[in-house]
């Protein structure tokens, strides 16, 4: 039987009006570094910021996220 961990995370999104936040939760067997959430507004922001090159945030690398200004912090388990 596999052990699972649940965690709450916060993604900070820089905008011209100031920072916005996306809060999410994830349950998996480990903390997944490449998981950046699945919210519609977050996906839309990333798609616009990357000129349509990235359509899904769920498999975006940490390097790309840093390049477009996203940060993620784990709030709790």
N, C-alpha and C. Protein backbone atom coordinates (compact mmCIF):
# COMPACT_ATOMS: atom_id res chain seq x y z
N UNK A 1 0.83 -1.18 0.00
CA UNK A 1 0.00 0.00 0.00
C UNK A 1 0.88 1.25 0.00
N UNK A 2 0.56 2.19 -0.85
CA UNK A 2 1.37 3.39 -1.01
C UNK A 2 0.92 4.48 -0.02
N UNK A 3 1.89 5.18 0.55
CA UNK A 3 1.58 6.30 1.42
C UNK A 3 1.39 7.55 0.59
N UNK A 4 0.43 8.38 0.97
CA UNK A 4 0.17 9.61 0.25
C UNK A 4 0.37 10.80 1.17
N UNK A 5 0.75 11.91 0.56
CA UNK A 5 0.91 13.15 1.29
C UNK A 5 -0.01 14.18 0.63
N UNK A 6 -0.65 14.96 1.45
CA UNK A 6 -1.47 16.06 0.94
C UNK A 6 -0.81 17.36 1.34
N UNK A 7 -0.83 18.33 0.45
CA UNK A 7 -0.24 19.61 0.79
C UNK A 7 -1.00 20.76 0.14
N UNK A 8 -0.93 21.90 0.79
CA UNK A 8 -1.53 23.14 0.30
C UNK A 8 -0.38 24.01 -0.20
N UNK A 9 -0.55 24.64 -1.35
CA UNK A 9 0.50 25.49 -1.90
C UNK A 9 -0.08 26.82 -2.35
N UNK A 10 0.80 27.80 -2.45
CA UNK A 10 0.42 29.13 -2.93
C UNK A 10 1.35 29.50 -4.07
N UNK A 11 0.77 29.91 -5.19
CA UNK A 11 1.53 30.38 -6.34
C UNK A 11 1.34 31.88 -6.42
N UNK A 12 2.45 32.60 -6.49
CA UNK A 12 2.42 34.05 -6.63
C UNK A 12 2.57 34.40 -8.10
N UNK A 13 1.63 35.23 -8.59
CA UNK A 13 1.59 35.61 -9.99
C UNK A 13 1.81 37.12 -10.07
N UNK A 14 2.89 37.56 -10.71
CA UNK A 14 3.11 38.99 -10.84
C UNK A 14 2.22 39.58 -11.95
N UNK A 15 1.57 40.68 -11.67
CA UNK A 15 0.76 41.37 -12.67
C UNK A 15 1.09 42.85 -12.64
N UNK A 16 0.61 43.58 -13.60
CA UNK A 16 0.86 45.02 -13.62
C UNK A 16 0.14 45.74 -12.48
N UNK A 17 -0.89 45.13 -11.93
CA UNK A 17 -1.62 45.72 -10.80
C UNK A 17 -1.07 45.28 -9.45
N UNK A 18 -0.06 44.44 -9.44
CA UNK A 18 0.49 43.88 -8.20
C UNK A 18 0.42 42.37 -8.23
N UNK A 19 0.77 41.76 -7.12
CA UNK A 19 0.78 40.30 -7.07
C UNK A 19 -0.63 39.74 -6.90
N UNK A 20 -0.86 38.62 -7.57
CA UNK A 20 -2.09 37.84 -7.39
C UNK A 20 -1.67 36.47 -6.92
N UNK A 21 -2.60 35.76 -6.32
CA UNK A 21 -2.26 34.46 -5.74
C UNK A 21 -3.22 33.38 -6.22
N UNK A 22 -2.66 32.21 -6.41
CA UNK A 22 -3.43 31.01 -6.71
C UNK A 22 -3.14 30.03 -5.60
N UNK A 23 -4.18 29.59 -4.94
CA UNK A 23 -4.05 28.61 -3.84
C UNK A 23 -4.53 27.27 -4.36
N UNK A 24 -3.80 26.22 -4.05
CA UNK A 24 -4.18 24.90 -4.51
C UNK A 24 -3.86 23.83 -3.49
N UNK A 25 -4.36 22.65 -3.77
CA UNK A 25 -4.07 21.49 -2.92
C UNK A 25 -3.75 20.32 -3.82
N UNK A 26 -2.93 19.44 -3.33
CA UNK A 26 -2.50 18.28 -4.12
C UNK A 26 -2.32 17.10 -3.18
N UNK A 27 -2.76 15.96 -3.62
CA UNK A 27 -2.54 14.71 -2.89
C UNK A 27 -1.80 13.77 -3.83
N UNK A 28 -0.63 13.30 -3.40
CA UNK A 28 0.12 12.35 -4.21
C UNK A 28 1.09 11.59 -3.31
N UNK A 29 1.85 10.70 -3.92
CA UNK A 29 2.79 9.90 -3.14
C UNK A 29 4.03 10.70 -2.75
N UNK A 30 4.23 11.87 -3.38
CA UNK A 30 5.36 12.74 -3.04
C UNK A 30 5.03 14.16 -3.52
N UNK A 31 5.84 15.11 -3.11
CA UNK A 31 5.68 16.48 -3.60
C UNK A 31 6.18 16.52 -5.03
N UNK A 32 5.35 16.99 -5.93
CA UNK A 32 5.68 16.99 -7.34
C UNK A 32 6.17 18.38 -7.74
N UNK A 33 7.45 18.47 -8.05
CA UNK A 33 8.07 19.77 -8.35
C UNK A 33 7.52 20.41 -9.62
N UNK A 34 7.11 19.63 -10.59
CA UNK A 34 6.65 20.20 -11.85
C UNK A 34 5.17 20.50 -11.86
N UNK A 35 4.47 20.25 -10.76
CA UNK A 35 3.02 20.52 -10.72
C UNK A 35 2.78 21.96 -10.30
N UNK A 36 2.16 22.73 -11.18
CA UNK A 36 1.91 24.14 -10.93
C UNK A 36 0.43 24.48 -10.89
N UNK A 37 -0.41 23.52 -10.62
CA UNK A 37 -1.84 23.78 -10.48
C UNK A 37 -2.59 23.65 -11.78
N UNK A 38 -3.90 23.62 -11.66
CA UNK A 38 -4.73 23.42 -12.83
C UNK A 38 -5.84 24.45 -12.99
N UNK A 39 -5.75 25.56 -12.27
CA UNK A 39 -6.79 26.58 -12.35
C UNK A 39 -6.89 27.25 -13.71
N UNK A 40 -8.11 27.54 -14.14
CA UNK A 40 -8.35 28.11 -15.46
C UNK A 40 -7.68 29.47 -15.61
N UNK A 41 -7.80 30.34 -14.62
CA UNK A 41 -7.18 31.68 -14.72
C UNK A 41 -5.66 31.58 -14.73
N UNK A 42 -5.11 30.66 -13.95
CA UNK A 42 -3.66 30.47 -13.94
C UNK A 42 -3.18 29.98 -15.31
N UNK A 43 -3.88 29.01 -15.89
CA UNK A 43 -3.52 28.51 -17.22
C UNK A 43 -3.60 29.61 -18.26
N UNK A 44 -4.64 30.43 -18.19
CA UNK A 44 -4.81 31.53 -19.14
C UNK A 44 -3.67 32.53 -19.01
N UNK A 45 -3.28 32.86 -17.78
CA UNK A 45 -2.18 33.80 -17.56
C UNK A 45 -0.88 33.25 -18.14
N UNK A 46 -0.59 31.97 -17.88
CA UNK A 46 0.64 31.34 -18.38
C UNK A 46 0.63 31.30 -19.91
N UNK A 47 -0.50 30.94 -20.50
CA UNK A 47 -0.60 30.89 -21.96
C UNK A 47 -0.32 32.26 -22.57
N UNK A 48 -0.90 33.32 -21.99
CA UNK A 48 -0.66 34.67 -22.50
C UNK A 48 0.79 35.09 -22.29
N UNK A 49 1.35 34.74 -21.14
CA UNK A 49 2.72 35.16 -20.81
C UNK A 49 3.77 34.46 -21.69
N UNK A 50 3.44 33.27 -22.17
CA UNK A 50 4.38 32.51 -23.01
C UNK A 50 4.00 32.56 -24.49
N UNK A 51 3.14 33.49 -24.86
CA UNK A 51 2.69 33.63 -26.25
C UNK A 51 2.11 32.34 -26.81
N UNK A 52 1.37 31.61 -25.98
CA UNK A 52 0.69 30.39 -26.40
C UNK A 52 1.55 29.15 -26.47
N UNK A 53 2.82 29.25 -26.10
CA UNK A 53 3.72 28.09 -26.18
C UNK A 53 3.41 27.05 -25.10
N UNK A 54 2.89 27.51 -23.98
CA UNK A 54 2.55 26.59 -22.89
C UNK A 54 1.05 26.71 -22.62
N UNK A 55 0.32 25.62 -22.83
CA UNK A 55 -1.12 25.62 -22.64
C UNK A 55 -1.54 25.00 -21.32
N UNK A 56 -0.65 24.25 -20.69
CA UNK A 56 -0.99 23.54 -19.47
C UNK A 56 0.06 23.83 -18.39
N UNK A 57 -0.41 24.21 -17.23
CA UNK A 57 0.52 24.47 -16.13
C UNK A 57 0.88 23.21 -15.37
N UNK A 58 0.15 22.13 -15.58
CA UNK A 58 0.38 20.94 -14.78
C UNK A 58 1.71 20.26 -15.07
N UNK A 59 2.29 20.50 -16.24
CA UNK A 59 3.57 19.87 -16.55
C UNK A 59 4.66 20.89 -16.89
N UNK A 60 4.49 22.10 -16.40
CA UNK A 60 5.46 23.16 -16.67
C UNK A 60 6.67 22.98 -15.75
N UNK A 61 7.86 23.19 -16.29
CA UNK A 61 9.06 23.02 -15.47
C UNK A 61 9.25 24.22 -14.54
N UNK A 62 9.98 23.99 -13.47
CA UNK A 62 10.28 25.07 -12.52
C UNK A 62 11.11 26.16 -13.19
N UNK A 63 11.95 25.78 -14.14
CA UNK A 63 12.77 26.76 -14.86
C UNK A 63 11.90 27.72 -15.67
N UNK A 64 10.93 27.19 -16.39
CA UNK A 64 10.02 28.03 -17.16
C UNK A 64 9.19 28.90 -16.24
N UNK A 65 8.71 28.33 -15.14
CA UNK A 65 7.93 29.11 -14.17
C UNK A 65 8.73 30.29 -13.64
N UNK A 66 9.99 30.07 -13.34
CA UNK A 66 10.85 31.15 -12.85
C UNK A 66 11.06 32.21 -13.92
N UNK A 67 11.20 31.78 -15.16
CA UNK A 67 11.41 32.72 -16.26
C UNK A 67 10.22 33.66 -16.46
N UNK A 68 9.02 33.17 -16.20
CA UNK A 68 7.84 34.02 -16.37
C UNK A 68 7.39 34.65 -15.05
N UNK A 69 8.14 34.40 -13.98
CA UNK A 69 7.90 35.10 -12.72
C UNK A 69 7.04 34.41 -11.69
N UNK A 70 6.67 33.17 -11.92
CA UNK A 70 5.85 32.46 -10.93
C UNK A 70 6.72 31.92 -9.81
N UNK A 71 6.19 31.96 -8.61
CA UNK A 71 6.84 31.30 -7.48
C UNK A 71 5.80 30.45 -6.76
N UNK A 72 6.25 29.36 -6.18
CA UNK A 72 5.35 28.48 -5.44
C UNK A 72 5.95 28.19 -4.09
N UNK A 73 5.10 28.24 -3.08
CA UNK A 73 5.55 27.84 -1.75
C UNK A 73 4.52 26.89 -1.15
N UNK A 74 5.03 25.90 -0.44
CA UNK A 74 4.16 24.95 0.22
C UNK A 74 3.80 25.52 1.58
N UNK A 75 2.51 25.65 1.82
CA UNK A 75 2.00 26.28 3.02
C UNK A 75 1.88 25.27 4.17
N UNK A 76 1.44 24.08 3.86
CA UNK A 76 1.29 23.09 4.91
C UNK A 76 0.99 21.71 4.34
N UNK A 77 1.13 20.71 5.21
CA UNK A 77 0.91 19.33 4.83
C UNK A 77 -0.32 18.78 5.52
